[in-house]
Amino acid sequence: MSEWVKYGLYFFLGGLLVSISTYLGSHGKGFLAALASTLPVISGLTFVLVYVNAGSAPTVSFAKHLIWLSPPWFVYVGTMIAVVPKLGFWPAYGLAFGLYLAGVGLTRLILD
């Protein structure tokens, strides 16, 4: 399988999951949309593909970094929950995304 075909397949699978989540969420099925977004399908598929393409060490490194990046993700989601009702979607999203990036930067400083 060529590199272009592989990455096209990866892109398609990721887009499919986003489409499913968006569809469910826009039809008032927030729980199912969240479930589709957080199912370990993307990370699980990434585990498989990293392992197949690079072996055990990069797979373990990916898994460890997923854990380390969980706290910034929780801040991101918590900010959305707390701030959207107060400021509206776009300001909340900007703040949440900024806090996420700051958390990622801090995590990177701690790990290095």
C-alpha atoms as a PDB file:
ATOM      1  CA  MET A   1       0.000   0.000   0.000  1.00  0.00           C
ATOM      2  CA  SER A   2       1.460   3.374  -0.969  1.00  0.00           C
ATOM      3  CA  GLU A   3       2.031   6.153   1.562  1.00  0.00           C
ATOM      4  CA  TRP A   4      -0.644   8.306  -0.086  1.00  0.00           C
ATOM      5  CA  VAL A   5      -3.236   5.541   0.139  1.00  0.00           C
ATOM      6  CA  LYS A   6      -2.368   4.833   3.792  1.00  0.00           C
ATOM      7  CA  TYR A   7      -2.667   8.467   4.832  1.00  0.00           C
ATOM      8  CA  GLY A   8      -5.816   8.899   2.753  1.00  0.00           C
ATOM      9  CA  LEU A   9      -7.332   5.980   4.655  1.00  0.00           C
ATOM     10  CA  TYR A  10      -6.278   7.490   7.992  1.00  0.00           C
ATOM     11  CA  PHE A  11      -7.836  10.816   6.972  1.00  0.00           C
ATOM     12  CA  PHE A  12     -11.063   9.120   5.918  1.00  0.00           C
ATOM     13  CA  LEU A  13     -11.379   7.176   9.185  1.00  0.00           C
ATOM     14  CA  GLY A  14     -10.785  10.280  11.300  1.00  0.00           C
ATOM     15  CA  GLY A  15     -13.278  12.291   9.259  1.00  0.00           C
ATOM     16  CA  LEU A  16     -15.837   9.516   9.542  1.00  0.00           C
ATOM     17  CA  LEU A  17     -15.643   9.605  13.338  1.00  0.00           C
ATOM     18  CA  VAL A  18     -15.974  13.410  13.406  1.00  0.00           C
ATOM     19  CA  SER A  19     -18.964  13.168  11.069  1.00  0.00           C
ATOM     20  CA  ILE A  20     -20.677  10.570  13.257  1.00  0.00           C
ATOM     21  CA  SER A  21     -20.078  12.640  16.402  1.00  0.00           C
ATOM     22  CA  THR A  22     -21.357  15.812  14.727  1.00  0.00           C
ATOM     23  CA  TYR A  23     -24.439  14.063  13.393  1.00  0.00           C
ATOM     24  CA  LEU A  24     -25.339  12.612  16.777  1.00  0.00           C
ATOM     25  CA  GLY A  25     -24.641  15.849  18.636  1.00  0.00           C
ATOM     26  CA  SER A  26     -26.674  17.972  16.227  1.00  0.00           C
ATOM     27  CA  HIS A  27     -29.637  15.629  16.703  1.00  0.00           C
ATOM     28  CA  GLY A  28     -29.717  16.096  20.480  1.00  0.00           C
ATOM     29  CA  LYS A  29     -27.913  12.880  21.288  1.00  0.00           C
ATOM     30  CA  GLY A  30     -25.133  14.451  23.358  1.00  0.00           C
ATOM     31  CA  PHE A  31     -24.276  11.292  25.245  1.00  0.00           C
ATOM     32  CA  LEU A  32     -23.900   9.225  22.086  1.00  0.00           C
ATOM     33  CA  ALA A  33     -21.913  12.007  20.387  1.00  0.00           C
ATOM     34  CA  ALA A  34     -19.562  12.183  23.376  1.00  0.00           C
ATOM     35  CA  LEU A  35     -19.282   8.408  23.414  1.00  0.00           C
ATOM     36  CA  ALA A  36     -18.408   8.345  19.697  1.00  0.00           C
ATOM     37  CA  SER A  37     -15.820  11.091  20.242  1.00  0.00           C
ATOM     38  CA  THR A  38     -14.171   9.434  23.211  1.00  0.00           C
ATOM     39  CA  LEU A  39     -14.311   5.816  22.120  1.00  0.00           C
ATOM     40  CA  PRO A  40     -10.770   4.592  21.863  1.00  0.00           C
ATOM     41  CA  VAL A  41     -11.283   3.955  18.167  1.00  0.00           C
ATOM     42  CA  ILE A  42      -8.924   6.690  16.966  1.00  0.00           C
ATOM     43  CA  SER A  43      -6.324   6.071  19.660  1.00  0.00           C
ATOM     44  CA  GLY A  44      -6.750   2.307  19.269  1.00  0.00           C
ATOM     45  CA  LEU A  45      -6.324   2.516  15.519  1.00  0.00           C
ATOM     46  CA  THR A  46      -3.333   4.787  16.071  1.00  0.00           C
ATOM     47  CA  PHE A  47      -1.832   2.201  18.444  1.00  0.00           C
ATOM     48  CA  VAL A  48      -2.191  -0.455  15.746  1.00  0.00           C
ATOM     49  CA  LEU A  49      -0.814   1.721  12.962  1.00  0.00           C
ATOM     50  CA  VAL A  50       2.135   3.039  14.986  1.00  0.00           C
ATOM     51  CA  TYR A  51       2.961  -0.505  16.054  1.00  0.00           C
ATOM     52  CA  VAL A  52       2.718  -1.893  12.521  1.00  0.00           C
ATOM     53  CA  ASN A  53       4.793   0.964  11.089  1.00  0.00           C
ATOM     54  CA  ALA A  54       7.347   1.485  13.873  1.00  0.00           C
ATOM     55  CA  GLY A  55       7.174  -1.203  16.562  1.00  0.00           C
ATOM     56  CA  SER A  56       6.753  -1.344  20.334  1.00  0.00           C
ATOM     57  CA  ALA A  57       8.823   1.580  21.608  1.00  0.00           C
ATOM     58  CA  PRO A  58       6.974   4.287  19.614  1.00  0.00           C
ATOM     59  CA  THR A  59       3.645   2.684  20.554  1.00  0.00           C
ATOM     60  CA  VAL A  60       4.470   2.845  24.262  1.00  0.00           C
ATOM     61  CA  SER A  61       5.706   6.433  23.871  1.00  0.00           C
ATOM     62  CA  PHE A  62       2.414   7.382  22.219  1.00  0.00           C
ATOM     63  CA  ALA A  63       0.437   5.744  25.052  1.00  0.00           C
ATOM     64  CA  LYS A  64       2.442   7.522  27.760  1.00  0.00           C
ATOM     65  CA  HIS A  65       1.940  10.886  26.098  1.00  0.00           C
ATOM     66  CA  LEU A  66      -1.802  10.277  25.825  1.00  0.00           C
ATOM     67  CA  ILE A  67      -1.901   9.938  29.604  1.00  0.00           C
ATOM     68  CA  TRP A  68       0.244  13.030  30.156  1.00  0.00           C
ATOM     69  CA  LEU A  69      -2.005  15.085  27.873  1.00  0.00           C
ATOM     70  CA  SER A  70      -5.189  14.066  29.683  1.00  0.00           C
ATOM     71  CA  PRO A  71      -5.050  16.835  32.351  1.00  0.00           C
ATOM     72  CA  PRO A  72      -4.937  19.643  29.746  1.00  0.00           C
ATOM     73  CA  TRP A  73      -7.819  17.955  27.949  1.00  0.00           C
ATOM     74  CA  PHE A  74      -9.863  17.878  31.178  1.00  0.00           C
ATOM     75  CA  VAL A  75      -9.188  21.608  31.653  1.00  0.00           C
ATOM     76  CA  TYR A  76     -10.328  22.186  28.052  1.00  0.00           C
ATOM     77  CA  VAL A  77     -13.596  20.289  28.495  1.00  0.00           C
ATOM     78  CA  GLY A  78     -14.229  21.713  31.979  1.00  0.00           C
ATOM     79  CA  THR A  79     -13.746  25.239  30.668  1.00  0.00           C
ATOM     80  CA  MET A  80     -16.302  24.609  27.929  1.00  0.00           C
ATOM     81  CA  ILE A  81     -18.808  23.301  30.462  1.00  0.00           C
ATOM     82  CA  ALA A  82     -18.305  26.230  32.825  1.00  0.00           C
ATOM     83  CA  VAL A  83     -17.875  29.118  30.390  1.00  0.00           C
ATOM     84  CA  VAL A  84     -20.220  28.490  27.438  1.00  0.00           C
ATOM     85  CA  PRO A  85     -23.339  29.373  29.487  1.00  0.00           C
ATOM     86  CA  LYS A  86     -21.677  32.566  30.753  1.00  0.00           C
ATOM     87  CA  LEU A  87     -19.845  33.964  27.715  1.00  0.00           C
ATOM     88  CA  GLY A  88     -21.220  32.043  24.752  1.00  0.00           C
ATOM     89  CA  PHE A  89     -19.591  29.453  22.530  1.00  0.00           C
ATOM     90  CA  TRP A  90     -16.811  31.308  20.707  1.00  0.00           C
ATOM     91  CA  PRO A  91     -15.255  33.126  23.681  1.00  0.00           C
ATOM     92  CA  ALA A  92     -15.474  29.907  25.708  1.00  0.00           C
ATOM     93  CA  TYR A  93     -13.885  27.913  22.907  1.00  0.00           C
ATOM     94  CA  GLY A  94     -11.063  30.427  22.521  1.00  0.00           C
ATOM     95  CA  LEU A  95     -10.385  30.391  26.260  1.00  0.00           C
ATOM     96  CA  ALA A  96     -10.637  26.596  26.486  1.00  0.00           C
ATOM     97  CA  PHE A  97      -8.318  26.087  23.522  1.00  0.00           C
ATOM     98  CA  GLY A  98      -5.827  28.629  24.903  1.00  0.00           C
ATOM     99  CA  LEU A  99      -5.834  26.904  28.292  1.00  0.00           C
ATOM    100  CA  TYR A 100      -5.381  23.550  26.577  1.00  0.00           C
ATOM    101  CA  LEU A 101      -2.355  24.811  24.653  1.00  0.00           C
ATOM    102  CA  ALA A 102      -0.913  26.350  27.831  1.00  0.00           C
ATOM    103  CA  GLY A 103      -1.424  23.023  29.600  1.00  0.00           C
ATOM    104  CA  VAL A 104       0.276  21.180  26.753  1.00  0.00           C
ATOM    105  CA  GLY A 105       3.193  23.621  26.920  1.00  0.00           C
ATOM    106  CA  LEU A 106       3.475  23.175  30.676  1.00  0.00           C
ATOM    107  CA  THR A 107       3.274  19.401  30.308  1.00  0.00           C
ATOM    108  CA  ARG A 108       6.030  19.539  27.690  1.00  0.00           C
ATOM    109  CA  LEU A 109       8.238  21.576  30.046  1.00  0.00           C
ATOM    110  CA  ILE A 110       7.660  19.092  32.847  1.00  0.00           C
ATOM    111  CA  LEU A 111       8.459  16.100  30.631  1.00  0.00           C
ATOM    112  CA  ASP A 112      11.654  17.543  29.138  1.00  0.00           C
END
